[in-house]
Amino acid sequence: QTARSLAREVGLSCVTPGAGSVLSLLAAAGSAKS
């Protein structure tokens, strides 16, 4: 939530929570190391 509000302050859009959870899921599913 802090990172998201800081992004708004500097005029950045970032991934939504839904898209973020997809990132976590894909990283976990592939046991991503790099």
PDB file of all heavy atoms in Angstrom:
ATOM      1  N   GLN A   1       0.836  -1.211   0.000  1.00  0.00           N
ATOM      2  CA  GLN A   1       0.000   0.000   0.000  1.00  0.00           C
ATOM      3  C   GLN A   1       0.865   1.253   0.000  1.00  0.00           C
ATOM      4  O   GLN A   1       0.576   2.229  -0.702  1.00  0.00           O
ATOM      5  CB  GLN A   1      -0.944  -0.005   1.210  1.00  0.00           C
ATOM      6  CG  GLN A   1      -2.071  -1.034   1.101  1.00  0.00           C
ATOM      7  CD  GLN A   1      -2.759  -1.287   2.433  1.00  0.00           C
ATOM      8  OE1 GLN A   1      -2.543  -0.586   3.413  1.00  0.00           O
ATOM      9  NE2 GLN A   1      -3.593  -2.310   2.477  1.00  0.00           N
ATOM     10  N   THR A   2       1.960   1.221   0.767  1.00  0.00           N
ATOM     11  CA  THR A   2       2.896   2.357   0.814  1.00  0.00           C
ATOM     12  C   THR A   2       3.551   2.558  -0.546  1.00  0.00           C
ATOM     13  O   THR A   2       3.604   3.683  -1.062  1.00  0.00           O
ATOM     14  CB  THR A   2       3.996   2.106   1.882  1.00  0.00           C
ATOM     15  OG1 THR A   2       3.358   1.885   3.144  1.00  0.00           O
ATOM     16  CG2 THR A   2       4.938   3.291   1.998  1.00  0.00           C
ATOM     17  N   ALA A   3       4.036   1.472  -1.142  1.00  0.00           N
ATOM     18  CA  ALA A   3       4.684   1.549  -2.459  1.00  0.00           C
ATOM     19  C   ALA A   3       3.718   2.110  -3.494  1.00  0.00           C
ATOM     20  O   ALA A   3       4.093   2.917  -4.348  1.00  0.00           O
ATOM     21  CB  ALA A   3       5.169   0.165  -2.881  1.00  0.00           C
ATOM     22  N   ARG A   4       2.462   1.703  -3.392  1.00  0.00           N
ATOM     23  CA  ARG A   4       1.428   2.150  -4.339  1.00  0.00           C
ATOM     24  C   ARG A   4       1.148   3.646  -4.172  1.00  0.00           C
ATOM     25  O   ARG A   4       1.033   4.380  -5.157  1.00  0.00           O
ATOM     26  CB  ARG A   4       0.158   1.326  -4.090  1.00  0.00           C
ATOM     27  CG  ARG A   4      -0.844   1.373  -5.208  1.00  0.00           C
ATOM     28  CD  ARG A   4      -1.976   0.383  -4.964  1.00  0.00           C
ATOM     29  NE  ARG A   4      -1.578  -0.997  -5.227  1.00  0.00           N
ATOM     30  CZ  ARG A   4      -1.361  -1.491  -6.426  1.00  0.00           C
ATOM     31  NH1 ARG A   4      -1.480  -0.733  -7.489  1.00  0.00           N
ATOM     32  NH2 ARG A   4      -0.996  -2.752  -6.580  1.00  0.00           N
ATOM     33  N   SER A   5       1.060   4.112  -2.923  1.00  0.00           N
ATOM     34  CA  SER A   5       0.783   5.544  -2.722  1.00  0.00           C
ATOM     35  C   SER A   5       1.988   6.394  -3.136  1.00  0.00           C
ATOM     36  O   SER A   5       1.825   7.493  -3.665  1.00  0.00           O
ATOM     37  CB  SER A   5       0.346   5.841  -1.283  1.00  0.00           C
ATOM     38  OG  SER A   5       1.404   5.630  -0.392  1.00  0.00           O
ATOM     39  N   LEU A   6       3.201   5.884  -2.944  1.00  0.00           N
ATOM     40  CA  LEU A   6       4.406   6.596  -3.400  1.00  0.00           C
ATOM     41  C   LEU A   6       4.439   6.671  -4.929  1.00  0.00           C
ATOM     42  O   LEU A   6       4.868   7.675  -5.500  1.00  0.00           O
ATOM     43  CB  LEU A   6       5.668   5.904  -2.875  1.00  0.00           C
ATOM     44  CG  LEU A   6       5.929   6.069  -1.365  1.00  0.00           C
ATOM     45  CD1 LEU A   6       6.986   5.086  -0.882  1.00  0.00           C
ATOM     46  CD2 LEU A   6       6.343   7.490  -1.031  1.00  0.00           C
ATOM     47  N   ALA A   7       3.971   5.611  -5.589  1.00  0.00           N
ATOM     48  CA  ALA A   7       3.898   5.611  -7.058  1.00  0.00           C
ATOM     49  C   ALA A   7       2.950   6.721  -7.527  1.00  0.00           C
ATOM     50  O   ALA A   7       3.266   7.458  -8.467  1.00  0.00           O
ATOM     51  CB  ALA A   7       3.426   4.252  -7.564  1.00  0.00           C
ATOM     52  N   ARG A   8       1.810   6.830  -6.851  1.00  0.00           N
ATOM     53  CA  ARG A   8       0.849   7.898  -7.207  1.00  0.00           C
ATOM     54  C   ARG A   8       1.480   9.269  -7.044  1.00  0.00           C
ATOM     55  O   ARG A   8       1.304  10.153  -7.887  1.00  0.00           O
ATOM     56  CB  ARG A   8      -0.416   7.791  -6.347  1.00  0.00           C
ATOM     57  CG  ARG A   8      -1.451   6.823  -6.895  1.00  0.00           C
ATOM     58  CD  ARG A   8      -2.797   7.012  -6.237  1.00  0.00           C
ATOM     59  NE  ARG A   8      -2.770   6.725  -4.808  1.00  0.00           N
ATOM     60  CZ  ARG A   8      -2.978   5.512  -4.285  1.00  0.00           C
ATOM     61  NH1 ARG A   8      -3.217   4.483  -5.080  1.00  0.00           N
ATOM     62  NH2 ARG A   8      -2.940   5.319  -2.984  1.00  0.00           N
ATOM     63  N   GLU A   9       2.234   9.444  -5.959  1.00  0.00           N
ATOM     64  CA  GLU A   9       2.879  10.739  -5.687  1.00  0.00           C
ATOM     65  C   GLU A   9       3.841  11.154  -6.795  1.00  0.00           C
ATOM     66  O   GLU A   9       3.951  12.329  -7.117  1.00  0.00           O
ATOM     67  CB  GLU A   9       3.644  10.698  -4.350  1.00  0.00           C
ATOM     68  CG  GLU A   9       2.757  10.890  -3.140  1.00  0.00           C
ATOM     69  CD  GLU A   9       3.531  10.730  -1.838  1.00  0.00           C
ATOM     70  OE1 GLU A   9       4.733  11.061  -1.787  1.00  0.00           O
ATOM     71  OE2 GLU A   9       2.921  10.246  -0.857  1.00  0.00           O
ATOM     72  N   VAL A  10       4.563  10.178  -7.367  1.00  0.00           N
ATOM     73  CA  VAL A  10       5.526  10.521  -8.424  1.00  0.00           C
ATOM     74  C   VAL A  10       4.922  10.357  -9.822  1.00  0.00           C
ATOM     75  O   VAL A  10       5.611  10.442 -10.831  1.00  0.00           O
ATOM     76  CB  VAL A  10       6.848   9.707  -8.304  1.00  0.00           C
ATOM     77  CG1 VAL A  10       7.574  10.060  -7.027  1.00  0.00           C
ATOM     78  CG2 VAL A  10       6.601   8.198  -8.384  1.00  0.00           C
ATOM     79  N   GLY A  11       3.596  10.125  -9.873  1.00  0.00           N
ATOM     80  CA  GLY A  11       2.893  10.077 -11.153  1.00  0.00           C
ATOM     81  C   GLY A  11       3.071   8.795 -11.938  1.00  0.00           C
ATOM     82  O   GLY A  11       3.007   8.798 -13.166  1.00  0.00           O
ATOM     83  N   LEU A  12       3.279   7.677 -11.226  1.00  0.00           N
ATOM     84  CA  LEU A  12       3.465   6.379 -11.905  1.00  0.00           C
ATOM     85  C   LEU A  12       2.228   5.516 -11.748  1.00  0.00           C
ATOM     86  O   LEU A  12       1.587   5.523 -10.698  1.00  0.00           O
ATOM     87  CB  LEU A  12       4.624   5.615 -11.262  1.00  0.00           C
ATOM     88  CG  LEU A  12       6.049   5.996 -11.614  1.00  0.00           C
ATOM     89  CD1 LEU A  12       6.991   5.093 -10.848  1.00  0.00           C
ATOM     90  CD2 LEU A  12       6.307   5.870 -13.103  1.00  0.00           C
ATOM     91  N   SER A  13       1.908   4.755 -12.783  1.00  0.00           N
ATOM     92  CA  SER A  13       0.888   3.723 -12.605  1.00  0.00           C
ATOM     93  C   SER A  13       1.650   2.412 -12.386  1.00  0.00           C
ATOM     94  O   SER A  13       2.737   2.247 -12.920  1.00  0.00           O
ATOM     95  CB  SER A  13      -0.017   3.631 -13.842  1.00  0.00           C
ATOM     96  OG  SER A  13       0.750   3.263 -14.959  1.00  0.00           O
ATOM     97  N   CYS A  14       1.096   1.546 -11.580  1.00  0.00           N
ATOM     98  CA  CYS A  14       1.783   0.275 -11.325  1.00  0.00           C
ATOM     99  C   CYS A  14       0.785  -0.869 -11.489  1.00  0.00           C
ATOM    100  O   CYS A  14      -0.397  -0.635 -11.689  1.00  0.00           O
ATOM    101  CB  CYS A  14       2.435   0.257  -9.942  1.00  0.00           C
ATOM    102  SG  CYS A  14       1.509   1.070  -8.661  1.00  0.00           S
ATOM    103  N   VAL A  15       1.277  -2.094 -11.402  1.00  0.00           N
ATOM    104  CA  VAL A  15       0.384  -3.247 -11.557  1.00  0.00           C
ATOM    105  C   VAL A  15      -0.716  -3.201 -10.502  1.00  0.00           C
ATOM    106  O   VAL A  15      -0.480  -2.786  -9.369  1.00  0.00           O
ATOM    107  CB  VAL A  15       1.131  -4.605 -11.461  1.00  0.00           C
ATOM    108  CG1 VAL A  15       2.112  -4.774 -12.594  1.00  0.00           C
ATOM    109  CG2 VAL A  15       1.803  -4.797 -10.113  1.00  0.00           C
ATOM    110  N   THR A  16      -1.909  -3.625 -10.882  1.00  0.00           N
ATOM    111  CA  THR A  16      -3.014  -3.697  -9.916  1.00  0.00           C
ATOM    112  C   THR A  16      -2.769  -4.898  -8.999  1.00  0.00           C
ATOM    113  O   THR A  16      -1.951  -5.773  -9.328  1.00  0.00           O
ATOM    114  CB  THR A  16      -4.353  -3.907 -10.651  1.00  0.00           C
ATOM    115  OG1 THR A  16      -4.320  -5.187 -11.289  1.00  0.00           O
ATOM    116  CG2 THR A  16      -4.625  -2.808 -11.685  1.00  0.00           C
ATOM    117  N   PRO A  17      -3.482  -4.981  -7.870  1.00  0.00           N
ATOM    118  CA  PRO A  17      -3.318  -6.148  -7.002  1.00  0.00           C
ATOM    119  C   PRO A  17      -3.576  -7.470  -7.741  1.00  0.00           C
ATOM    120  O   PRO A  17      -2.858  -8.456  -7.546  1.00  0.00           O
ATOM    121  CB  PRO A  17      -4.351  -5.922  -5.902  1.00  0.00           C
ATOM    122  CG  PRO A  17      -4.488  -4.427  -5.831  1.00  0.00           C
ATOM    123  CD  PRO A  17      -4.347  -3.951  -7.243  1.00  0.00           C
ATOM    124  N   GLY A  18      -4.583  -7.482  -8.622  1.00  0.00           N
ATOM    125  CA  GLY A  18      -4.888  -8.699  -9.389  1.00  0.00           C
ATOM    126  C   GLY A  18      -3.733  -9.119 -10.279  1.00  0.00           C
ATOM    127  O   GLY A  18      -3.360 -10.295 -10.330  1.00  0.00           O
ATOM    128  N   ALA A  19      -3.147  -8.144 -10.981  1.00  0.00           N
ATOM    129  CA  ALA A  19      -2.002  -8.450 -11.851  1.00  0.00           C
ATOM    130  C   ALA A  19      -0.785  -8.839 -11.009  1.00  0.00           C
ATOM    131  O   ALA A  19      -0.016  -9.730 -11.383  1.00  0.00           O
ATOM    132  CB  ALA A  19      -1.678  -7.242 -12.733  1.00  0.00           C
ATOM    133  N   GLY A  20      -0.620  -8.187  -9.859  1.00  0.00           N
ATOM    134  CA  GLY A  20       0.484  -8.520  -8.947  1.00  0.00           C
ATOM    135  C   GLY A  20       0.399  -9.958  -8.477  1.00  0.00           C
ATOM    136  O   GLY A  20       1.404 -10.678  -8.438  1.00  0.00           O
ATOM    137  N   SER A  21      -0.816 -10.391  -8.163  1.00  0.00           N
ATOM    138  CA  SER A  21      -0.982 -11.768  -7.685  1.00  0.00           C
ATOM    139  C   SER A  21      -0.668 -12.773  -8.797  1.00  0.00           C
ATOM    140  O   SER A  21      -0.167 -13.865  -8.534  1.00  0.00           O
ATOM    141  CB  SER A  21      -2.385 -11.998  -7.109  1.00  0.00           C
ATOM    142  OG  SER A  21      -3.366 -11.875  -8.117  1.00  0.00           O
ATOM    143  N   VAL A  22      -0.925 -12.392 -10.064  1.00  0.00           N
ATOM    144  CA  VAL A  22      -0.558 -13.250 -11.197  1.00  0.00           C
ATOM    145  C   VAL A  22       0.968 -13.375 -11.273  1.00  0.00           C
ATOM    146  O   VAL A  22       1.506 -14.458 -11.510  1.00  0.00           O
ATOM    147  CB  VAL A  22      -1.138 -12.701 -12.527  1.00  0.00           C
ATOM    148  CG1 VAL A  22      -0.549 -13.433 -13.732  1.00  0.00           C
ATOM    149  CG2 VAL A  22      -2.657 -12.808 -12.536  1.00  0.00           C
ATOM    150  N   LEU A  23       1.680 -12.258 -11.030  1.00  0.00           N
ATOM    151  CA  LEU A  23       3.149 -12.282 -11.035  1.00  0.00           C
ATOM    152  C   LEU A  23       3.686 -13.238  -9.967  1.00  0.00           C
ATOM    153  O   LEU A  23       4.564 -14.050 -10.240  1.00  0.00           O
ATOM    154  CB  LEU A  23       3.711 -10.876 -10.786  1.00  0.00           C
ATOM    155  CG  LEU A  23       3.529  -9.836 -11.885  1.00  0.00           C
ATOM    156  CD1 LEU A  23       4.106  -8.501 -11.443  1.00  0.00           C
ATOM    157  CD2 LEU A  23       4.182 -10.291 -13.182  1.00  0.00           C
ATOM    158  N   SER A  24       3.155 -13.122  -8.763  1.00  0.00           N
ATOM    159  CA  SER A  24       3.580 -14.009  -7.661  1.00  0.00           C
ATOM    160  C   SER A  24       3.313 -15.464  -8.006  1.00  0.00           C
ATOM    161  O   SER A  24       4.156 -16.342  -7.779  1.00  0.00           O
ATOM    162  CB  SER A  24       2.813 -13.667  -6.381  1.00  0.00           C
ATOM    163  OG  SER A  24       3.568 -12.813  -5.580  1.00  0.00           O
ATOM    164  N   LEU A  25       2.131 -15.714  -8.548  1.00  0.00           N
ATOM    165  CA  LEU A  25       1.727 -17.075  -8.913  1.00  0.00           C
ATOM    166  C   LEU A  25       2.680 -17.661  -9.955  1.00  0.00           C
ATOM    167  O   LEU A  25       3.161 -18.793  -9.797  1.00  0.00           O
ATOM    168  CB  LEU A  25       0.301 -17.052  -9.473  1.00  0.00           C
ATOM    169  CG  LEU A  25      -0.200 -18.379 -10.034  1.00  0.00           C
ATOM    170  CD1 LEU A  25      -0.912 -19.169  -8.950  1.00  0.00           C
ATOM    171  CD2 LEU A  25      -1.123 -18.177 -11.212  1.00  0.00           C
ATOM    172  N   LEU A  26       2.976 -16.891 -11.017  1.00  0.00           N
ATOM    173  CA  LEU A  26       3.843 -17.395 -12.087  1.00  0.00           C
ATOM    174  C   LEU A  26       5.272 -17.614 -11.585  1.00  0.00           C
ATOM    175  O   LEU A  26       5.924 -18.585 -11.959  1.00  0.00           O
ATOM    176  CB  LEU A  26       3.825 -16.441 -13.283  1.00  0.00           C
ATOM    177  CG  LEU A  26       2.494 -16.381 -14.053  1.00  0.00           C
ATOM    178  CD1 LEU A  26       2.512 -15.251 -15.070  1.00  0.00           C
ATOM    179  CD2 LEU A  26       2.191 -17.713 -14.736  1.00  0.00           C
ATOM    180  N   ALA A  27       5.747 -16.702 -10.729  1.00  0.00           N
ATOM    181  CA  ALA A  27       7.094 -16.857 -10.159  1.00  0.00           C
ATOM    182  C   ALA A  27       7.164 -18.106  -9.280  1.00  0.00           C
ATOM    183  O   ALA A  27       8.127 -18.871  -9.334  1.00  0.00           O
ATOM    184  CB  ALA A  27       7.480 -15.619  -9.357  1.00  0.00           C
ATOM    185  N   ALA A  28       6.101 -18.332  -8.499  1.00  0.00           N
ATOM    186  CA  ALA A  28       6.068 -19.490  -7.601  1.00  0.00           C
ATOM    187  C   ALA A  28       5.917 -20.795  -8.390  1.00  0.00           C
ATOM    188  O   ALA A  28       6.587 -21.787  -8.105  1.00  0.00           O
ATOM    189  CB  ALA A  28       4.929 -19.343  -6.599  1.00  0.00           C
ATOM    190  N   ALA A  29       5.064 -20.778  -9.411  1.00  0.00           N
ATOM    191  CA  ALA A  29       4.812 -21.989 -10.204  1.00  0.00           C
ATOM    192  C   ALA A  29       6.080 -22.457 -10.914  1.00  0.00           C
ATOM    193  O   ALA A  29       6.301 -23.653 -11.076  1.00  0.00           O
ATOM    194  CB  ALA A  29       3.699 -21.736 -11.224  1.00  0.00           C
ATOM    195  N   GLY A  30       6.917 -21.501 -11.304  1.00  0.00           N
ATOM    196  CA  GLY A  30       8.151 -21.863 -11.991  1.00  0.00           C
ATOM    197  C   GLY A  30       9.355 -21.939 -11.072  1.00  0.00           C
ATOM    198  O   GLY A  30      10.486 -22.037 -11.545  1.00  0.00           O
ATOM    199  N   SER A  31       9.126 -21.898  -9.749  1.00  0.00           N
ATOM    200  CA  SER A  31      10.229 -21.862  -8.766  1.00  0.00           C
ATOM    201  C   SER A  31      11.309 -20.887  -9.202  1.00  0.00           C
ATOM    202  O   SER A  31      12.497 -21.223  -9.222  1.00  0.00           O
ATOM    203  CB  SER A  31      10.857 -23.245  -8.595  1.00  0.00           C
ATOM    204  OG  SER A  31       9.962 -24.114  -7.977  1.00  0.00           O
ATOM    205  N   ALA A  32      10.882 -19.696  -9.579  1.00  0.00           N
ATOM    206  CA  ALA A  32      11.801 -18.732 -10.196  1.00  0.00           C
ATOM    207  C   ALA A  32      12.938 -18.332  -9.268  1.00  0.00           C
ATOM    208  O   ALA A  32      12.724 -17.968  -8.116  1.00  0.00           O
ATOM    209  CB  ALA A  32      11.023 -17.495 -10.631  1.00  0.00           C
ATOM    210  N   LYS A  33      14.146 -18.424  -9.803  1.00  0.00           N
ATOM    211  CA  LYS A  33      15.346 -18.033  -9.056  1.00  0.00           C
ATOM    212  C   LYS A  33      15.963 -16.765  -9.656  1.00  0.00           C
ATOM    213  O   LYS A  33      16.487 -15.922  -8.936  1.00  0.00           O
ATOM    214  CB  LYS A  33      16.366 -19.174  -9.073  1.00  0.00           C
ATOM    215  CG  LYS A  33      17.558 -18.889  -8.183  1.00  0.00           C
ATOM    216  CD  LYS A  33      18.551 -20.050  -8.170  1.00  0.00           C
ATOM    217  CE  LYS A  33      19.739 -19.696  -7.284  1.00  0.00           C
ATOM    218  NZ  LYS A  33      20.780 -20.726  -7.321  1.00  0.00           N
ATOM    219  N   SER A  34      15.896 -16.647 -10.992  1.00  0.00           N
ATOM    220  CA  SER A  34      16.457 -15.478 -11.675  1.00  0.00           C
ATOM    221  C   SER A  34      15.362 -14.795 -12.481  1.00  0.00           C
ATOM    222  O   SER A  34      14.827 -15.393 -13.416  1.00  0.00           O
ATOM    223  CB  SER A  34      17.579 -15.906 -12.619  1.00  0.00           C
ATOM    224  OG  SER A  34      18.626 -16.496 -11.890  1.00  0.00           O
TER     225      SER A  34
END
